[in-house]
Amino acid sequence: MTIYNAHTYHVFIKNITLSIEDDVLKMGREYARAQNVSFNVLVRKLIEQTVKKNSNSWLDDTFEYSDKNLSSASGITWQREDLYRG
């Protein structure tokens, strides 16, 4: 005889509204599509990884993506090291 023990749990998800520039939204959707995920999943994962300790691989991925795909930022220059809080 096999006995299965099932647990039921509830996940409460809140909807949020974001303000984002059209070109950034377009690039985000294209990136998500290339990763075979929805834009919603992409944003959720980025937020999850941002708030979890010792999870900085997303940051390296973001910099790599921006280095390959984004054009200049209207004359604004910065060094990657400038973005880290230390």
Protein backbone atom coordinates (compact mmCIF):
# COMPACT_ATOMS: atom_id res chain seq x y z
CA MET A 1 0.00 0.00 0.00
CA THR A 2 1.34 3.45 -0.96
CA ILE A 3 0.41 6.51 1.03
CA TYR A 4 0.87 9.94 -0.47
CA ASN A 5 1.16 12.95 1.77
CA ALA A 6 0.16 16.15 0.05
CA HIS A 7 0.61 19.65 1.41
CA THR A 8 -1.34 22.63 0.25
CA TYR A 9 0.10 26.10 0.56
CA HIS A 10 -0.92 29.48 -0.71
CA VAL A 11 1.27 32.01 -2.44
CA PHE A 12 -0.01 35.55 -2.38
CA ILE A 13 1.19 37.61 -5.32
CA LYS A 14 0.71 41.35 -5.59
CA ASN A 15 0.42 43.20 -8.84
CA ILE A 16 2.62 46.27 -9.20
CA THR A 17 2.83 49.11 -11.68
CA LEU A 18 6.18 50.17 -13.12
CA SER A 19 7.13 53.30 -14.99
CA ILE A 20 9.69 52.45 -17.66
CA GLU A 21 10.92 54.10 -20.84
CA ASP A 22 9.59 52.60 -24.07
CA ASP A 23 13.00 51.64 -25.43
CA VAL A 24 14.00 49.94 -22.16
CA LEU A 25 10.71 48.04 -22.12
CA LYS A 26 11.27 46.92 -25.71
CA MET A 27 14.81 45.74 -24.94
CA GLY A 28 13.58 43.98 -21.79
CA ARG A 29 10.88 42.13 -23.70
CA GLU A 30 13.36 41.13 -26.40
CA TYR A 31 15.81 39.90 -23.78
CA ALA A 32 13.08 37.94 -21.99
CA ARG A 33 11.93 36.41 -25.28
CA ALA A 34 15.51 35.34 -26.07
CA GLN A 35 15.67 33.69 -22.63
CA ASN A 36 12.31 31.95 -23.24
CA VAL A 37 10.64 33.64 -20.28
CA SER A 38 7.97 36.27 -19.99
CA PHE A 39 8.90 39.85 -19.18
CA ASN A 40 7.00 39.42 -15.90
CA VAL A 41 9.18 36.43 -14.95
CA LEU A 42 12.33 38.35 -15.91
CA VAL A 43 11.41 41.29 -13.67
CA ARG A 44 10.37 39.00 -10.81
CA LYS A 45 13.64 37.05 -10.99
CA LEU A 46 15.73 40.22 -11.10
CA ILE A 47 13.96 41.54 -8.01
CA GLU A 48 14.33 38.20 -6.20
CA GLN A 49 18.04 38.05 -6.99
CA THR A 50 18.52 41.67 -6.00
CA VAL A 51 17.10 41.28 -2.52
CA LYS A 52 18.69 37.92 -1.70
CA LYS A 53 22.09 38.05 -0.02
CA ASN A 54 25.13 36.65 -1.79
CA SER A 55 23.39 36.63 -5.14
CA ASN A 56 25.35 38.98 -7.41
CA SER A 57 25.57 36.86 -10.57
CA TRP A 58 22.59 38.76 -11.99
CA LEU A 59 24.61 41.94 -11.75
CA ASP A 60 27.44 40.51 -13.82
CA ASP A 61 24.90 39.25 -16.37
CA THR A 62 23.28 42.69 -16.52
CA PHE A 63 26.61 44.43 -17.09
CA GLU A 64 27.59 41.89 -19.75
CA TYR A 65 24.28 42.39 -21.55
CA SER A 66 24.54 46.18 -21.38
CA ASP A 67 28.16 46.12 -22.56
CA LYS A 68 27.10 44.12 -25.63
CA ASN A 69 23.76 45.71 -26.45
CA LEU A 70 23.33 49.23 -25.16
CA SER A 71 24.54 52.38 -26.84
CA SER A 72 25.91 55.48 -25.16
CA ALA A 73 24.08 57.16 -22.31
CA SER A 74 23.91 60.71 -23.71
CA GLY A 75 27.51 61.55 -22.89
CA ILE A 76 27.35 60.24 -19.33
CA THR A 77 30.39 58.14 -18.53
CA TRP A 78 31.03 55.85 -15.61
CA GLN A 79 33.21 52.99 -14.54
CA ARG A 80 31.73 49.73 -13.38
CA GLU A 81 33.48 50.15 -10.02
CA ASP A 82 31.59 53.43 -9.50
CA LEU A 83 28.32 51.51 -9.33
CA TYR A 84 29.27 49.25 -6.46
CA ARG A 85 28.44 50.36 -2.97
CA GLY A 86 31.30 49.58 -0.69
